[in-house]
């Protein structure tokens, strides 16, 4: 009898052990694929520049973080939390307008190569007068090699949330599901939302209905701000993916902080006494709402038990568009010069932070990419570098024949210098319909040259006259605000830099503006 009781107890204990293991699996499910590969969240913010944050990215002469007045104006505790857990880059470049950056992130190519060199007008080809006629207005299409497409083939669940802007209305690129994503929430052909307000149905039924954000009907008529609605939906999809035991690639691309500058009422009181214009106050609330979303996602990863397995990459898609100052001034990106669309540093330097959502140095996945905490990296890097970096980290092989301009960031992400990387960046804008027109910039080391194909450009506001003609030359190490044009006083350096610019354009098979006869206007040596 005693032996029978013991046997039954052993059987019951084994049964309880199975039940407990099953319960734990339901709470924190894993598959062999999910356990072996990291989750990735790319958190992309629209029109956010390097200085639109309380996190100081710039450093003093000793390499220590240096605060500027704008760092004390904005409130971004989520970014502070992420920066404390990882590394931030202060010379990270994106294209100076949005669609070129987004296609570069998807393909690993510089915009000069993939030829989506301008923001994509959803309704019509916006090359502009004299603009390159053979630029890639249609953007991405089915069958193109894309980062989510490759990751999906490798076993990842690929999730797109928020702004897409990969192709115009009626074309394949307007739908992220055509480009390698399994899920699309909110992504369409346009770059600016119809409205941020749930009370206004995010633009549905308004004069901005052509920019109405899709897939969020359940929030129509509510007080749910757009950034919050997108975050709620993202958390649901991540939870389901984790429950299914799949690793995920989450491309969370906020419409914030792009105009219209509609104030987020949750944060308006923080800026009402700032003395800044109403539009600038509204912009700051959009920043803080985006930042709350980041913090919410970090907390969600922790609650799901996957924070140690999840790499977070935070960045902006172009320079700041804060309504503070003119596009070529030291103003909204101070101490940097310029803003979104400009050929100066404020137009293309963006915030970049990479961190494990919960640092754990002994964790097997993190051992492959040990990211230091609270670190700052000052080497030049750019948006196209994310493509090869993520492929290597996830063990994903890219197809033969696809040219990749980006270089892996693995060594820089560990806080170490990488002497194999050239300190170079190319930004090519062969168009005449934005704040800077028909320009190419080339950075090589501390030197930067700007070439204006047409030094006097007609615009809707009259003429922009570049008093220095075709060439501007700056030494960014000595003059980070680009205040002193050295093109005349340093002719040998200008000639060297222009040779590098021309060679880089040729190696990328770039397209060019045209004259009235349709002939290509290529850069010329001084």
Protein backbone atom coordinates (compact mmCIF):
# COMPACT_ATOMS: atom_id res chain seq x y z
CA UNK A 1 0.00 0.00 0.00
CA UNK A 2 2.81 2.40 0.94
CA UNK A 3 4.65 1.62 -2.31
CA UNK A 4 1.44 2.33 -4.29
CA UNK A 5 1.00 5.69 -2.57
CA UNK A 6 4.61 6.65 -3.32
CA UNK A 7 4.20 5.65 -6.97
CA UNK A 8 1.05 7.77 -7.27
CA UNK A 9 2.83 10.72 -5.63
CA UNK A 10 5.72 10.41 -8.08
CA UNK A 11 3.27 10.29 -10.99
CA UNK A 12 1.44 13.33 -9.70
CA UNK A 13 4.68 15.23 -9.19
CA UNK A 14 5.76 14.46 -12.76
CA UNK A 15 2.37 15.66 -13.98
CA UNK A 16 2.69 18.89 -11.98
CA UNK A 17 6.17 19.44 -13.39
CA UNK A 18 4.82 19.11 -16.94
CA UNK A 19 1.97 21.53 -16.14
CA UNK A 20 4.40 24.03 -14.63
CA UNK A 21 6.77 23.83 -17.60
CA UNK A 22 3.86 24.29 -19.98
CA UNK A 23 2.64 27.31 -18.04
CA UNK A 24 6.08 28.91 -18.10
CA UNK A 25 6.28 28.31 -21.84
CA UNK A 26 2.95 30.04 -22.33
CA UNK A 27 4.17 32.99 -20.27
CA UNK A 28 7.53 33.26 -22.02
CA UNK A 29 7.43 31.04 -25.09
CA UNK A 30 10.53 30.29 -27.10
CA UNK A 31 11.36 28.30 -30.16
CA UNK A 32 14.78 27.09 -31.17
CA UNK A 33 14.86 29.88 -33.76
CA UNK A 34 13.72 32.55 -31.29
CA UNK A 35 16.25 31.39 -28.70
CA UNK A 36 19.16 31.50 -31.13
CA UNK A 37 18.55 34.90 -32.72
CA UNK A 38 17.85 38.34 -31.32
CA UNK A 39 14.66 40.30 -31.77
CA UNK A 40 15.27 43.62 -33.51
CA UNK A 41 13.34 46.86 -33.09
CA UNK A 42 14.27 49.72 -35.42
CA UNK A 43 12.61 52.76 -33.88
CA UNK A 44 12.60 55.45 -36.57
CA UNK A 45 11.44 59.01 -35.86
CA UNK A 46 10.39 61.35 -38.65
CA UNK A 47 12.08 64.77 -38.90
CA UNK A 48 13.95 64.43 -35.61
CA UNK A 49 17.38 66.00 -35.55
CA UNK A 50 20.39 65.50 -33.34
CA UNK A 51 19.40 68.23 -30.86
CA UNK A 52 15.66 67.49 -30.47
CA UNK A 53 16.21 65.62 -27.21
CA UNK A 54 17.26 65.94 -23.60
CA UNK A 55 20.04 63.43 -24.34
CA UNK A 56 23.29 65.27 -25.13
CA UNK A 57 24.92 63.77 -28.20
CA UNK A 58 27.66 66.32 -28.84
CA UNK A 59 30.83 66.27 -26.76
CA UNK A 60 33.48 68.65 -25.49
CA UNK A 61 37.20 68.49 -26.32
CA UNK A 62 37.62 65.65 -23.82
CA UNK A 63 34.90 63.53 -25.41
CA UNK A 64 32.44 64.14 -22.57
CA UNK A 65 28.76 64.82 -23.25
CA UNK A 66 28.09 68.54 -23.56
CA UNK A 67 24.63 70.00 -23.02
CA UNK A 68 23.24 72.82 -25.12
CA UNK A 69 20.10 74.92 -24.54
CA UNK A 70 17.94 72.70 -26.73
CA UNK A 71 18.85 69.69 -24.56
CA UNK A 72 17.26 71.53 -21.64
CA UNK A 73 14.13 72.42 -23.62
CA UNK A 74 13.10 68.93 -24.73
CA UNK A 75 12.00 66.15 -22.38
CA UNK A 76 12.91 62.62 -23.50
CA UNK A 77 13.26 60.31 -20.48
CA UNK A 78 12.74 57.25 -22.69
CA UNK A 79 15.76 58.19 -24.78
CA UNK A 80 17.73 58.86 -21.61
CA UNK A 81 16.80 55.37 -20.43
CA UNK A 82 17.90 53.82 -23.72
CA UNK A 83 21.13 55.84 -23.93
CA UNK A 84 22.08 54.75 -20.40
CA UNK A 85 21.75 51.13 -21.56
CA UNK A 86 23.78 51.44 -24.74
CA UNK A 87 25.84 53.56 -27.09
CA UNK A 88 24.95 56.73 -28.97
CA UNK A 89 26.61 58.03 -32.13
CA UNK A 90 27.08 61.77 -32.62
CA UNK A 91 28.21 61.65 -36.25
CA UNK A 92 25.51 59.42 -37.68
CA UNK A 93 24.17 60.49 -41.06
CA UNK A 94 20.90 60.08 -42.91
CA UNK A 95 19.81 61.62 -46.18
CA UNK A 96 18.43 65.12 -45.62
CA UNK A 97 14.90 64.16 -46.74
CA UNK A 98 12.80 61.18 -45.73
CA UNK A 99 12.11 58.70 -48.57
CA UNK A 100 15.79 58.45 -49.59
CA UNK A 101 16.71 57.49 -46.02
CA UNK A 102 13.92 54.95 -45.75
CA UNK A 103 14.85 53.21 -48.97
CA UNK A 104 18.51 53.24 -47.93
CA UNK A 105 17.61 51.52 -44.66
CA UNK A 106 15.61 48.88 -46.53
CA UNK A 107 18.29 48.20 -49.19
CA UNK A 108 21.68 49.04 -47.65
CA UNK A 109 22.36 51.41 -50.54
CA UNK A 110 23.16 55.09 -50.68
CA UNK A 111 20.39 57.15 -52.29
CA UNK A 112 22.72 58.03 -55.16
CA UNK A 113 22.65 54.33 -56.10
CA UNK A 114 18.98 53.40 -55.53
CA UNK A 115 18.03 56.77 -57.07
CA UNK A 116 15.11 57.60 -54.80
CA UNK A 117 16.88 60.90 -54.26
CA UNK A 118 13.87 62.99 -53.21
CA UNK A 119 10.88 62.59 -50.93
CA UNK A 120 8.17 60.75 -52.85
CA UNK A 121 5.13 62.84 -53.67
CA UNK A 122 2.28 60.29 -53.46
CA UNK A 123 0.38 61.79 -56.38
CA UNK A 124 2.90 62.93 -58.99
CA UNK A 125 6.53 62.82 -60.03
CA UNK A 126 8.20 65.63 -58.10
CA UNK A 127 11.60 65.73 -59.75
CA UNK A 128 11.21 69.50 -60.10
CA UNK A 129 12.32 71.78 -62.92
CA UNK A 130 15.79 70.67 -64.03
CA UNK A 131 15.47 67.73 -61.62
CA UNK A 132 16.95 64.38 -62.63
CA UNK A 133 14.32 62.92 -64.99
CA UNK A 134 15.46 59.33 -64.41
CA UNK A 135 15.33 59.40 -60.62
CA UNK A 136 13.40 56.59 -58.90
CA UNK A 137 10.09 58.28 -58.05
CA UNK A 138 8.32 54.90 -57.83
CA UNK A 139 10.59 53.82 -54.99
CA UNK A 140 10.57 50.18 -53.92
CA UNK A 141 8.58 47.45 -55.66
CA UNK A 142 7.77 43.76 -55.33
CA UNK A 143 10.83 41.60 -55.83
CA UNK A 144 13.33 44.21 -54.63
CA UNK A 145 15.87 43.00 -52.12
CA UNK A 146 14.82 44.44 -48.76
CA UNK A 147 15.89 43.94 -45.17
CA UNK A 148 12.47 42.67 -43.97
CA UNK A 149 12.21 40.37 -46.98
CA UNK A 150 15.54 38.72 -46.19
CA UNK A 151 14.73 38.44 -42.49
CA UNK A 152 11.36 36.89 -43.24
CA UNK A 153 13.06 34.24 -45.35
CA UNK A 154 15.34 33.62 -42.39
CA UNK A 155 12.43 32.87 -40.06
CA UNK A 156 11.60 36.29 -38.63
CA UNK A 157 8.12 37.73 -38.19
CA UNK A 158 8.39 41.14 -39.83
CA UNK A 159 6.20 43.93 -38.47
CA UNK A 160 5.74 47.40 -39.96
CA UNK A 161 4.08 50.10 -37.87
CA UNK A 162 3.60 53.76 -38.76
CA UNK A 163 4.96 55.77 -41.65
CA UNK A 164 6.06 53.91 -44.78
CA UNK A 165 6.55 56.37 -47.68
CA UNK A 166 8.38 53.81 -49.84
CA UNK A 167 6.38 54.43 -53.03
CA UNK A 168 3.61 56.62 -54.50
CA UNK A 169 -0.10 55.95 -54.41
CA UNK A 170 -1.23 53.12 -56.68
CA UNK A 171 2.25 51.62 -56.93
CA UNK A 172 3.59 48.49 -55.25
CA UNK A 173 5.86 50.36 -52.88
CA UNK A 174 2.94 52.10 -51.20
CA UNK A 175 2.04 48.84 -49.40
CA UNK A 176 4.70 47.48 -47.00
CA UNK A 177 3.20 43.99 -47.34
CA UNK A 178 4.66 43.98 -50.87
CA UNK A 179 8.15 44.67 -49.54
CA UNK A 180 8.77 41.81 -47.12
CA UNK A 181 6.59 42.72 -44.14
CA UNK A 182 4.12 40.21 -42.68
CA UNK A 183 2.13 42.90 -40.87
CA UNK A 184 1.40 46.53 -41.71
CA UNK A 185 -0.24 48.96 -39.32
CA UNK A 186 -0.59 52.52 -40.55
CA UNK A 187 1.81 52.45 -43.49
CA UNK A 188 0.85 53.99 -46.84
CA UNK A 189 2.21 56.16 -49.66
CA UNK A 190 2.32 59.49 -47.82
CA UNK A 191 4.73 60.91 -45.30
CA UNK A 192 2.60 63.25 -43.19
CA UNK A 193 -0.52 62.14 -41.29
CA UNK A 194 -3.90 63.68 -42.00
CA UNK A 195 -4.14 64.41 -38.28
CA UNK A 196 -2.64 63.18 -35.03
CA UNK A 197 -6.02 63.37 -33.30
CA UNK A 198 -8.31 60.41 -32.78
CA UNK A 199 -11.16 62.91 -32.52
CA UNK A 200 -10.40 63.83 -36.13
CA UNK A 201 -10.13 60.16 -37.16
CA UNK A 202 -6.44 60.69 -38.04
CA UNK A 203 -7.54 62.57 -41.16
CA UNK A 204 -10.39 60.38 -42.42
CA UNK A 205 -13.30 62.47 -43.67
CA UNK A 206 -11.29 65.71 -43.62
CA UNK A 207 -9.73 67.92 -46.27
CA UNK A 208 -6.55 65.90 -45.63
CA UNK A 209 -8.26 62.58 -46.30
CA UNK A 210 -5.58 61.68 -48.87
CA UNK A 211 -3.20 61.46 -45.90
CA UNK A 212 -5.56 59.65 -43.54
CA UNK A 213 -3.69 57.03 -41.51
CA UNK A 214 -5.15 53.55 -42.24
CA UNK A 215 -5.92 50.56 -39.98
CA UNK A 216 -6.80 52.52 -36.83
CA UNK A 217 -10.58 52.76 -37.15
CA UNK A 218 -11.13 51.40 -33.63
CA UNK A 219 -9.62 54.63 -32.25
CA UNK A 220 -11.69 57.00 -34.37
CA UNK A 221 -13.65 59.47 -32.30
CA UNK A 222 -11.52 58.83 -29.21
CA UNK A 223 -8.94 60.98 -27.46
CA UNK A 224 -6.17 58.56 -28.41
CA UNK A 225 -3.26 60.47 -29.92
CA UNK A 226 -1.76 58.88 -33.04
CA UNK A 227 1.58 58.04 -31.41
CA UNK A 228 -0.28 56.27 -28.60
CA UNK A 229 -2.61 54.32 -30.93
CA UNK A 230 0.36 53.04 -32.92
CA UNK A 231 2.11 52.00 -29.72
CA UNK A 232 -0.91 50.07 -28.42
CA UNK A 233 -1.19 48.19 -31.72
CA UNK A 234 2.55 47.48 -31.79
CA UNK A 235 2.48 45.95 -28.32
CA UNK A 236 -0.37 43.63 -29.37
CA UNK A 237 1.53 42.34 -32.41
CA UNK A 238 4.75 41.87 -30.45
CA UNK A 239 2.89 39.96 -27.73
CA UNK A 240 1.31 37.64 -30.28
CA UNK A 241 4.63 37.04 -32.02
CA UNK A 242 6.32 36.16 -28.74
CA UNK A 243 3.43 33.85 -27.87
CA UNK A 244 3.93 32.12 -31.22
CA UNK A 245 7.61 31.61 -30.39
CA UNK A 246 8.98 33.56 -33.36
CA UNK A 247 11.78 36.12 -33.39
CA UNK A 248 10.64 39.49 -34.72
CA UNK A 249 11.94 42.36 -36.78
CA UNK A 250 9.89 45.38 -35.74
CA UNK A 251 10.17 48.50 -37.87
CA UNK A 252 8.38 51.05 -35.70
CA UNK A 253 8.35 54.20 -37.80
CA UNK A 254 6.53 57.05 -36.08
CA UNK A 255 4.75 59.74 -38.07
CA UNK A 256 5.88 62.03 -35.27
CA UNK A 257 7.41 64.49 -35.36
CA UNK A 258 6.44 65.46 -38.90
CA UNK A 259 3.92 68.26 -39.42
CA UNK A 260 1.11 69.10 -38.99
CA UNK A 261 2.34 70.44 -35.67
CA UNK A 262 -0.68 69.44 -33.62
CA UNK A 263 -0.07 69.66 -29.90
CA UNK A 264 -0.25 66.46 -27.90
CA UNK A 265 -2.47 67.52 -24.96
CA UNK A 266 -0.79 65.02 -22.64
CA UNK A 267 2.39 67.14 -22.62
CA UNK A 268 1.30 70.66 -23.56
CA UNK A 269 1.70 72.05 -20.03
CA UNK A 270 5.40 71.21 -20.08
CA UNK A 271 6.07 73.89 -22.73
CA UNK A 272 3.37 76.54 -22.30
CA UNK A 273 5.68 78.88 -20.37
CA UNK A 274 8.76 78.27 -22.53
CA UNK A 275 8.46 81.48 -24.50
CA UNK A 276 8.74 79.48 -27.73
CA UNK A 277 6.20 79.91 -30.58
CA UNK A 278 3.07 77.75 -30.47
CA UNK A 279 4.28 75.59 -33.34
CA UNK A 280 7.58 74.95 -31.57
CA UNK A 281 5.70 74.02 -28.40
CA UNK A 282 3.55 71.59 -30.39
CA UNK A 283 6.69 70.10 -31.95
CA UNK A 284 8.09 69.52 -28.45
CA UNK A 285 4.91 67.68 -27.41
CA UNK A 286 5.27 65.43 -30.45
CA UNK A 287 8.83 64.67 -29.36
CA UNK A 288 7.69 63.80 -25.86
CA UNK A 289 4.83 61.63 -27.12
CA UNK A 290 7.24 59.73 -29.35
CA UNK A 291 9.57 59.33 -26.39
CA UNK A 292 6.75 57.93 -24.22
CA UNK A 293 6.19 55.34 -26.93
CA UNK A 294 9.85 54.33 -26.76
CA UNK A 295 9.67 53.96 -22.99
CA UNK A 296 6.45 51.96 -23.27
CA UNK A 297 8.09 49.55 -25.70
CA UNK A 298 11.10 49.03 -23.42
CA UNK A 299 8.75 48.27 -20.53
CA UNK A 300 6.71 45.92 -22.72
CA UNK A 301 9.79 43.92 -23.67
CA UNK A 302 10.60 43.58 -19.98
CA UNK A 303 7.07 42.43 -19.10
CA UNK A 304 7.25 39.75 -21.82
CA UNK A 305 10.61 38.52 -20.55
CA UNK A 306 12.37 39.23 -23.84
CA UNK A 307 14.27 42.44 -23.04
CA UNK A 308 17.61 40.63 -22.84
CA UNK A 309 16.96 39.10 -26.28
CA UNK A 310 15.96 42.35 -27.99
CA UNK A 311 18.24 44.86 -29.71
CA UNK A 312 16.82 48.38 -30.00
CA UNK A 313 18.09 50.74 -32.70
CA UNK A 314 16.83 54.32 -32.43
CA UNK A 315 17.38 56.95 -35.13
CA UNK A 316 15.92 59.87 -37.05
CA UNK A 317 15.29 59.88 -40.80
CA UNK A 318 16.71 63.34 -41.54
CA UNK A 319 17.63 66.53 -39.76
CA UNK A 320 15.31 68.48 -37.51
CA UNK A 321 12.24 70.28 -38.82
CA UNK A 322 11.55 72.10 -35.56
CA UNK A 323 9.88 75.43 -36.36
CA UNK A 324 12.78 77.44 -34.97
CA UNK A 325 14.75 79.57 -37.42
CA UNK A 326 15.42 79.41 -41.15
CA UNK A 327 16.73 76.40 -43.00
CA UNK A 328 20.30 77.64 -43.39
CA UNK A 329 20.74 79.22 -39.96
CA UNK A 330 22.21 77.96 -36.71
CA UNK A 331 18.82 77.64 -35.04
CA UNK A 332 16.72 74.49 -34.64
CA UNK A 333 19.85 72.28 -34.54
CA UNK A 334 22.12 74.71 -32.69
CA UNK A 335 25.10 74.59 -32.49
CA UNK A 336 24.85 72.87 -35.89
CA UNK A 337 23.75 74.82 -38.94
CA UNK A 338 20.69 74.03 -41.06
CA UNK A 339 17.63 71.81 -40.79
CA UNK A 340 15.70 69.17 -42.75
CA UNK A 341 16.38 69.43 -46.47
CA UNK A 342 19.50 71.54 -46.03
CA UNK A 343 22.98 70.74 -47.23
CA UNK A 344 24.44 71.64 -43.83
CA UNK A 345 25.04 69.28 -40.91
CA UNK A 346 21.74 70.08 -39.22
CA UNK A 347 19.97 68.66 -42.26
CA UNK A 348 21.58 65.22 -42.21
CA UNK A 349 23.08 64.50 -38.76
CA UNK A 350 20.54 62.49 -36.74
CA UNK A 351 20.33 60.88 -33.30
CA UNK A 352 21.36 57.23 -33.19
CA UNK A 353 21.27 54.94 -30.15
CA UNK A 354 21.79 51.18 -30.07
CA UNK A 355 21.20 49.15 -26.92
CA UNK A 356 20.02 45.82 -25.68
CA UNK A 357 16.64 46.50 -24.12
CA UNK A 358 18.00 45.03 -20.89
CA UNK A 359 21.79 44.76 -20.74
CA UNK A 360 23.10 41.39 -19.54
CA UNK A 361 26.78 40.91 -20.44
CA UNK A 362 26.69 37.16 -19.76
CA UNK A 363 23.67 36.58 -21.99
CA UNK A 364 24.56 34.38 -24.96
CA UNK A 365 23.05 36.68 -27.59
CA UNK A 366 24.57 39.81 -26.09
CA UNK A 367 27.98 38.15 -25.94
CA UNK A 368 27.95 38.23 -29.75
CA UNK A 369 27.52 42.01 -29.66
CA UNK A 370 28.65 43.41 -26.31
CA UNK A 371 27.37 46.99 -26.32
CA UNK A 372 28.83 49.21 -23.58
CA UNK A 373 26.41 51.21 -21.45
CA UNK A 374 26.30 55.00 -21.42
CA UNK A 375 28.90 55.20 -24.19
CA UNK A 376 29.38 57.71 -27.03
CA UNK A 377 30.83 56.82 -30.44
CA UNK A 378 32.21 59.63 -32.63
CA UNK A 379 33.16 57.84 -35.84
CA UNK A 380 31.18 58.56 -38.97
CA UNK A 381 28.40 56.08 -39.80
CA UNK A 382 25.25 56.25 -41.91
CA UNK A 383 21.81 54.79 -42.35
CA UNK A 384 22.80 52.30 -45.07
CA UNK A 385 25.10 50.63 -42.52
CA UNK A 386 22.11 49.14 -40.67
CA UNK A 387 21.39 46.66 -43.48
CA UNK A 388 24.66 44.65 -43.30
CA UNK A 389 24.82 45.08 -39.52
CA UNK A 390 21.43 43.48 -38.91
CA UNK A 391 22.03 40.75 -41.49
CA UNK A 392 25.23 39.66 -39.77
CA UNK A 393 23.77 39.85 -36.28
CA UNK A 394 20.82 37.65 -37.26
CA UNK A 395 22.86 35.19 -39.32
CA UNK A 396 21.00 36.17 -42.48
CA UNK A 397 22.66 35.86 -45.88
CA UNK A 398 21.99 38.43 -48.56
CA UNK A 399 21.56 37.46 -52.21
CA UNK A 400 24.38 37.58 -54.71
CA UNK A 401 24.34 40.53 -57.06
CA UNK A 402 22.78 43.03 -54.66
CA UNK A 403 25.20 45.91 -54.15
CA UNK A 404 25.50 47.01 -50.51
CA UNK A 405 27.06 50.41 -49.86
CA UNK A 406 26.76 50.15 -46.09
CA UNK A 407 29.46 48.73 -43.83
CA UNK A 408 28.91 46.68 -40.69
CA UNK A 409 28.75 48.62 -37.43
CA UNK A 410 29.66 45.73 -35.13
CA UNK A 411 33.01 47.10 -33.97
CA UNK A 412 31.72 50.63 -33.49
CA UNK A 413 28.77 49.31 -31.49
CA UNK A 414 31.18 47.73 -29.02
CA UNK A 415 32.67 51.18 -28.39
CA UNK A 416 35.93 50.48 -30.21
CA UNK A 417 37.34 52.48 -33.12
CA UNK A 418 37.32 50.86 -36.55
CA UNK A 419 40.21 52.05 -38.69
CA UNK A 420 38.95 50.01 -41.65
CA UNK A 421 36.00 52.37 -42.10
CA UNK A 422 36.55 55.52 -44.21
CA UNK A 423 35.18 58.67 -42.58
CA UNK A 424 33.07 59.48 -45.63
CA UNK A 425 29.46 60.33 -46.46
CA UNK A 426 27.74 61.21 -49.74
CA UNK A 427 24.44 63.13 -49.93
CA UNK A 428 23.15 63.75 -53.46
CA UNK A 429 20.04 65.84 -54.17
CA UNK A 430 19.57 66.41 -57.94
CA UNK A 431 16.23 68.23 -57.49
CA UNK A 432 14.86 71.73 -57.20
CA UNK A 433 11.82 71.46 -54.97
CA UNK A 434 13.08 71.65 -51.41
CA UNK A 435 14.90 73.96 -49.02
CA UNK A 436 18.27 73.37 -50.64
CA UNK A 437 18.30 72.70 -54.34
CA UNK A 438 20.47 70.81 -56.82
CA UNK A 439 23.30 70.02 -54.44
CA UNK A 440 25.76 67.29 -53.55
CA UNK A 441 27.72 67.09 -50.31
CA UNK A 442 30.78 64.94 -49.72
CA UNK A 443 32.45 64.41 -46.38
CA UNK A 444 35.92 62.91 -46.16
CA UNK A 445 37.54 63.00 -42.75
CA UNK A 446 37.07 66.41 -41.17
CA UNK A 447 36.57 68.07 -44.54
CA UNK A 448 33.23 68.65 -46.21
CA UNK A 449 32.50 70.09 -49.63
CA UNK A 450 29.13 71.25 -50.95
CA UNK A 451 28.63 71.54 -54.68
CA UNK A 452 25.70 73.59 -55.98
CA UNK A 453 24.88 72.50 -59.51
CA UNK A 454 22.91 75.71 -60.05
CA UNK A 455 24.22 78.41 -57.72
CA UNK A 456 21.11 80.57 -58.20
CA UNK A 457 17.85 78.64 -57.89
CA UNK A 458 14.34 80.02 -58.45
CA UNK A 459 11.88 79.00 -55.73
CA UNK A 460 8.31 79.85 -54.82
CA UNK A 461 9.67 82.50 -52.46
CA UNK A 462 11.89 84.19 -55.04
CA UNK A 463 15.54 83.28 -55.52
CA UNK A 464 18.02 81.58 -53.24
CA UNK A 465 21.34 83.20 -54.08
CA UNK A 466 24.42 81.27 -52.99
CA UNK A 467 26.89 84.14 -52.77
CA UNK A 468 29.83 81.75 -52.88
CA UNK A 469 28.80 80.26 -56.22
CA UNK A 470 29.12 76.54 -56.85
CA UNK A 471 31.44 75.59 -53.98
CA UNK A 472 31.44 75.60 -50.21
CA UNK A 473 34.24 74.00 -48.20
CA UNK A 474 34.34 73.50 -44.44
CA UNK A 475 36.63 71.88 -41.89
CA UNK A 476 34.15 70.28 -39.48
CA UNK A 477 36.78 69.54 -36.86
CA UNK A 478 37.58 73.24 -36.45
CA UNK A 479 34.26 74.69 -37.62
CA UNK A 480 31.36 72.34 -36.75
CA UNK A 481 28.77 75.06 -37.36
CA UNK A 482 30.02 75.59 -40.95
CA UNK A 483 30.48 79.32 -40.53
CA UNK A 484 33.62 79.91 -42.60
CA UNK A 485 33.68 78.90 -46.26
CA UNK A 486 37.26 77.94 -47.15
CA UNK A 487 36.64 77.31 -50.87
CA UNK A 488 38.64 80.37 -51.92
CA UNK A 489 41.40 80.21 -49.33
CA UNK A 490 42.07 76.46 -49.65
CA UNK A 491 42.07 75.80 -53.43
CA UNK A 492 44.15 72.60 -53.26
CA UNK A 493 41.87 71.11 -50.60
CA UNK A 494 38.80 72.13 -52.58
CA UNK A 495 40.19 70.44 -55.68
CA UNK A 496 40.95 67.24 -53.75
CA UNK A 497 37.51 67.15 -52.19
CA UNK A 498 35.74 67.79 -55.49
CA UNK A 499 37.66 64.94 -57.11
CA UNK A 500 36.45 62.70 -54.31
CA UNK A 501 32.86 63.91 -54.71
CA UNK A 502 32.87 63.31 -58.46
CA UNK A 503 34.45 59.86 -58.07
CA UNK A 504 31.88 58.87 -55.46
CA UNK A 505 28.97 59.94 -57.67
CA UNK A 506 30.39 57.99 -60.60
CA UNK A 507 30.95 54.87 -58.49
CA UNK A 508 27.29 55.00 -57.38
CA UNK A 509 26.07 55.46 -60.98
CA UNK A 510 24.25 58.61 -59.88
CA UNK A 511 21.65 60.58 -61.82
CA UNK A 512 22.00 64.32 -62.39
CA UNK A 513 19.95 67.47 -62.90
CA UNK A 514 19.51 68.57 -66.50
CA UNK A 515 19.68 71.83 -68.38
CA UNK A 516 16.96 73.21 -70.65
CA UNK A 517 18.12 70.87 -73.42
CA UNK A 518 17.93 67.80 -71.18
CA UNK A 519 21.70 67.44 -70.90
CA UNK A 520 23.06 66.18 -67.58
CA UNK A 521 24.61 68.83 -65.34
CA UNK A 522 27.54 67.02 -63.73
CA UNK A 523 29.75 68.52 -61.03
CA UNK A 524 32.83 70.28 -62.33
CA UNK A 525 36.23 70.93 -60.80
CA UNK A 526 37.00 74.49 -59.67
